[in-house]
Protein backbone atom coordinates (compact mmCIF):
# COMPACT_ATOMS: atom_id res chain seq x y z
CA MET A 1 -9.71 0.67 -14.13
CA ASP A 2 -6.97 2.99 -12.88
CA VAL A 3 -4.70 2.35 -9.91
CA ILE A 4 -6.83 4.26 -7.39
CA GLN A 5 -9.97 2.40 -8.49
CA LYS A 6 -8.14 -0.90 -8.09
CA LEU A 7 -6.94 0.06 -4.61
CA ASN A 8 -10.48 1.03 -3.66
CA LYS A 9 -11.77 -2.31 -4.90
CA LEU A 10 -9.11 -4.49 -3.27
CA LYS A 11 -9.21 -2.60 0.07
CA LEU A 12 -6.00 -4.18 1.38
CA ILE A 13 -2.36 -3.69 0.39
CA PRO A 14 0.18 -6.27 1.60
CA VAL A 15 3.31 -4.32 2.56
CA ALA A 16 6.27 -6.67 2.19
CA VAL A 17 9.97 -6.65 3.00
CA ILE A 18 11.71 -9.08 0.65
CA GLU A 19 15.17 -10.14 1.76
CA GLU A 20 15.78 -13.15 -0.49
CA GLN A 21 15.11 -13.48 -4.21
CA LYS A 22 14.02 -17.10 -3.84
CA THR A 23 10.92 -15.98 -1.93
CA VAL A 24 9.57 -13.71 -4.67
CA ILE A 25 7.75 -16.20 -6.89
CA PRO A 26 6.22 -18.21 -4.02
CA LEU A 27 4.99 -14.96 -2.47
CA GLY A 28 3.50 -13.77 -5.75
CA SER A 29 1.81 -17.13 -6.20
CA VAL A 30 0.21 -17.07 -2.77
CA LEU A 31 -1.13 -13.54 -3.33
CA ILE A 32 -2.77 -14.57 -6.60
CA GLU A 33 -4.10 -17.84 -5.18
CA SER A 34 -5.52 -16.05 -2.15
CA GLY A 35 -7.42 -13.53 -4.27
CA LEU A 36 -5.35 -10.48 -3.37
CA PRO A 37 -3.46 -9.53 -6.56
CA ILE A 38 -1.50 -6.60 -5.16
CA ILE A 39 1.73 -5.95 -3.27
CA GLU A 40 3.76 -3.01 -2.04
CA VAL A 41 7.43 -3.99 -2.10
CA THR A 42 9.33 -1.80 0.34
CA TYR A 43 12.73 -0.37 -0.47
CA ARG A 44 14.13 -1.51 2.86
CA THR A 45 16.39 -4.07 1.20
CA GLU A 46 18.57 -4.12 -1.90
CA LYS A 47 16.31 -6.81 -3.39
CA ALA A 48 13.37 -4.45 -3.96
CA SER A 49 13.90 -3.51 -7.62
CA LYS A 50 14.77 -7.05 -8.71
CA SER A 51 11.78 -8.37 -6.78
CA ILE A 52 9.40 -5.96 -8.52
CA ALA A 53 10.85 -6.84 -11.93
CA LEU A 54 10.46 -10.57 -11.27
CA LEU A 55 6.90 -10.15 -10.03
CA LYS A 56 6.09 -8.08 -13.13
CA LYS A 57 7.45 -10.80 -15.39
CA GLU A 58 5.87 -13.78 -13.66
CA PHE A 59 2.57 -12.24 -12.52
CA PRO A 60 1.39 -9.56 -14.99
CA GLU A 61 -2.00 -9.47 -13.26
CA LEU A 62 -0.41 -8.30 -9.99
CA LEU A 63 -0.79 -4.62 -9.09
CA LEU A 64 2.73 -3.59 -8.12
CA GLY A 65 3.70 -0.80 -5.77
CA ALA A 66 7.01 0.39 -4.38
CA GLY A 67 7.11 1.58 -0.77
CA THR A 68 9.48 3.28 1.65
CA ILE A 69 10.71 5.42 -1.24
CA LEU A 70 13.11 8.06 0.07
CA LYS A 71 15.05 9.14 -3.03
CA ILE A 72 14.33 9.97 -6.67
CA GLU A 73 16.82 7.28 -7.69
CA GLN A 74 14.54 4.74 -6.03
CA VAL A 75 11.54 6.10 -7.92
CA LYS A 76 13.42 5.67 -11.19
CA ALA A 77 14.49 2.14 -10.30
CA ALA A 78 11.01 1.13 -9.14
CA VAL A 79 9.26 2.45 -12.25
CA LYS A 80 11.85 0.85 -14.51
CA ALA A 81 11.29 -2.46 -12.72
CA GLY A 82 7.54 -2.23 -13.29
CA SER A 83 6.04 -0.51 -10.27
CA GLN A 84 2.63 1.02 -10.98
CA PHE A 85 2.52 3.26 -7.92
CA ILE A 86 4.97 4.85 -5.51
CA VAL A 87 4.45 5.15 -1.76
CA THR A 88 6.53 7.35 0.53
CA PRO A 89 6.55 7.30 4.35
CA GLY A 90 6.58 11.10 4.51
CA PHE A 91 5.78 14.05 2.26
CA ASN A 92 8.96 14.75 0.31
CA PRO A 93 8.16 17.66 -2.07
CA THR A 94 11.05 16.76 -4.38
CA ILE A 95 9.82 13.20 -4.89
CA VAL A 96 6.16 14.23 -5.10
CA ASP A 97 6.84 16.92 -7.72
CA TYR A 98 9.08 14.56 -9.70
CA CYS A 99 6.33 11.94 -9.87
CA ILE A 100 3.56 14.40 -10.71
CA ALA A 101 5.61 15.89 -13.56
CA ARG A 102 6.02 12.41 -15.06
CA ASN A 103 2.48 11.11 -14.44
CA ILE A 104 3.76 8.54 -11.95
CA ASN A 105 1.13 7.49 -9.41
CA ILE A 106 2.38 8.83 -6.09
CA ILE A 107 0.86 8.23 -2.64
CA PRO A 108 2.79 10.40 -0.16
CA GLY A 109 2.74 9.69 3.54
CA LEU A 110 1.47 12.29 6.01
CA ASN A 111 -0.29 12.71 9.32
CA ASN A 112 -1.28 16.38 9.65
CA PRO A 113 -3.41 19.08 7.97
CA SER A 114 -0.49 21.16 6.70
CA LEU A 115 0.82 18.29 4.61
CA ILE A 116 -2.67 17.50 3.33
CA GLU A 117 -2.81 21.06 2.00
CA TRP A 118 0.62 20.69 0.42
CA GLY A 119 -0.82 17.73 -1.45
CA LEU A 120 -4.06 19.44 -2.39
CA GLU A 121 -2.07 22.36 -3.75
CA ARG A 122 -0.40 19.87 -6.11
CA GLY A 123 -3.67 18.28 -7.22
CA LEU A 124 -3.38 15.17 -5.06
CA ALA A 125 -6.32 13.72 -3.13
CA LEU A 126 -5.02 10.34 -1.94
CA PHE A 127 -2.45 9.95 0.81
CA LYS A 128 -0.89 7.31 3.02
CA PHE A 129 -1.84 8.05 6.63
CA PHE A 130 1.30 7.00 8.48
CA PRO A 131 1.99 5.91 11.13
CA ALA A 132 -1.76 5.42 11.39
CA VAL A 133 -2.33 4.21 14.93
CA LEU A 134 0.39 6.34 16.53
CA SER A 135 -0.89 9.44 14.68
CA GLY A 136 -4.35 9.34 16.19
CA GLY A 137 -5.92 6.53 14.19
CA ILE A 138 -9.68 6.56 13.71
CA LYS A 139 -10.21 9.82 15.62
CA MET A 140 -7.67 11.70 13.53
CA LEU A 141 -9.12 10.47 10.23
CA LYS A 142 -12.62 11.47 11.35
CA ALA A 143 -11.28 14.91 12.23
CA PHE A 144 -9.69 15.23 8.77
CA PHE A 145 -13.03 14.53 7.07
CA GLY A 146 -14.59 17.80 8.25
CA PRO A 147 -12.28 20.27 6.49
CA TYR A 148 -11.13 17.83 3.80
CA PRO A 149 -14.19 15.81 2.66
CA THR A 150 -12.74 15.03 -0.78
CA VAL A 151 -9.43 13.68 0.51
CA ARG A 152 -8.92 9.91 0.79
CA PHE A 153 -6.42 7.93 2.84
CA ILE A 154 -4.66 4.59 3.05
CA PRO A 155 -3.91 4.07 6.75
CA THR A 156 -0.69 2.13 7.32
CA GLY A 157 1.24 1.42 10.50
CA GLY A 158 -0.32 -0.54 13.34
CA ILE A 159 -3.07 -2.01 11.16
CA ASN A 160 -4.09 -5.60 11.86
CA ASP A 161 -7.06 -7.93 11.54
CA LYS A 162 -8.55 -6.55 14.76
CA ASN A 163 -8.71 -2.87 13.74
CA MET A 164 -8.65 -3.02 9.92
CA MET A 165 -12.43 -2.91 9.47
CA ASP A 166 -12.79 0.06 11.83
CA PHE A 167 -10.53 1.99 9.45
CA LEU A 168 -12.11 0.69 6.23
CA LYS A 169 -15.60 1.73 7.36
CA LEU A 170 -14.54 5.38 7.44
CA LYS A 171 -15.80 7.51 4.54
CA ASN A 172 -12.35 8.86 3.75
CA VAL A 173 -10.48 5.54 3.73
CA ILE A 174 -10.21 3.56 0.47
CA ALA A 175 -7.81 0.83 1.61
CA CYS A 176 -5.45 -0.20 4.39
CA GLY A 177 -1.79 -1.09 4.14
CA GLY A 178 -0.56 -3.92 6.29
CA SER A 179 2.54 -5.98 6.91
CA TRP A 180 0.84 -8.40 9.30
CA ILE A 181 -0.43 -10.56 6.41
CA VAL A 182 3.03 -10.82 4.84
CA LYS A 183 5.27 -10.75 7.91
CA LYS A 184 8.98 -10.71 7.15
CA ASN A 185 9.64 -13.82 9.21
CA LEU A 186 6.86 -15.74 7.45
CA ILE A 187 8.31 -14.84 4.05
CA SER A 188 11.90 -15.64 4.98
CA SER A 189 10.93 -18.96 6.57
CA GLY A 190 8.75 -19.95 3.62
CA ASN A 191 5.58 -20.23 5.70
CA TYR A 192 3.26 -19.47 2.80
CA ASP A 193 0.37 -21.48 4.26
CA GLU A 194 0.25 -19.07 7.19
CA ILE A 195 0.43 -16.08 4.83
CA LYS A 196 -2.46 -17.50 2.82
CA ALA A 197 -4.48 -18.07 5.99
CA LEU A 198 -3.88 -14.50 7.18
CA ILE A 199 -4.86 -13.07 3.78
CA LYS A 200 -8.02 -15.15 3.55
CA LYS A 201 -9.04 -14.18 7.07
CA ALA A 202 -8.63 -10.50 6.21
CA LEU A 203 -10.46 -10.82 2.89
CA LEU A 204 -13.36 -12.60 4.57
CA LEU A 205 -13.80 -9.66 6.93
CA ILE A 206 -13.73 -7.26 3.98
CA LYS A 207 -16.22 -9.27 1.92
CA GLU A 208 -18.65 -9.40 4.82
CA GLU A 209 -18.74 -5.60 4.89
CA PHE A 210 -18.40 -4.64 1.22
CA SER A 211 -20.77 -6.39 -1.17
CA ASN A 212 -18.87 -5.19 -4.27
CA ILE A 213 -15.83 -7.32 -3.41
CA GLU A 214 -15.68 -10.44 -5.55
């Protein structure tokens, strides 16, 4: 099963900001225990690469992504650490072309037709729709489906347990990215019980809709 197939199966990507190394293993443990073996570690702190490397070592079953990638140096560091896919907030042609040339799974961020066509021109068909809610949300994604029926999206930005399923029910959405299930303050304060509860609540909603989810 390739990365895109795994994303389609899991339906939900926890987008985490890790500020302290001591939180990495407990966070990885709670993801595995909760039945959501995936994480996107954002490059918003200097701990990102080390966090990915530690997660790779301790939890080989975890699907690891690197987010908020803005520079090629970050791509190199993330891949070296063990990241299996790269996520960017915008469509940076330099980063996208670098990843494609090296067979690195890249999910560029975008929110308009012109950038979709930039991606299609490069052979891509999966994008991060960001910021999802502020960019038109459900209505915009429905509008994209007409001219771009083969393109798939991962809406991120403003997603929560109240609107997640509305996005996931769309034909052109394979998964949602969300920080609400791994809030920075919950991680930093060590409130893993609350993280587990938020994950399980989200997964229950997903399982009720999609029968192929284990």
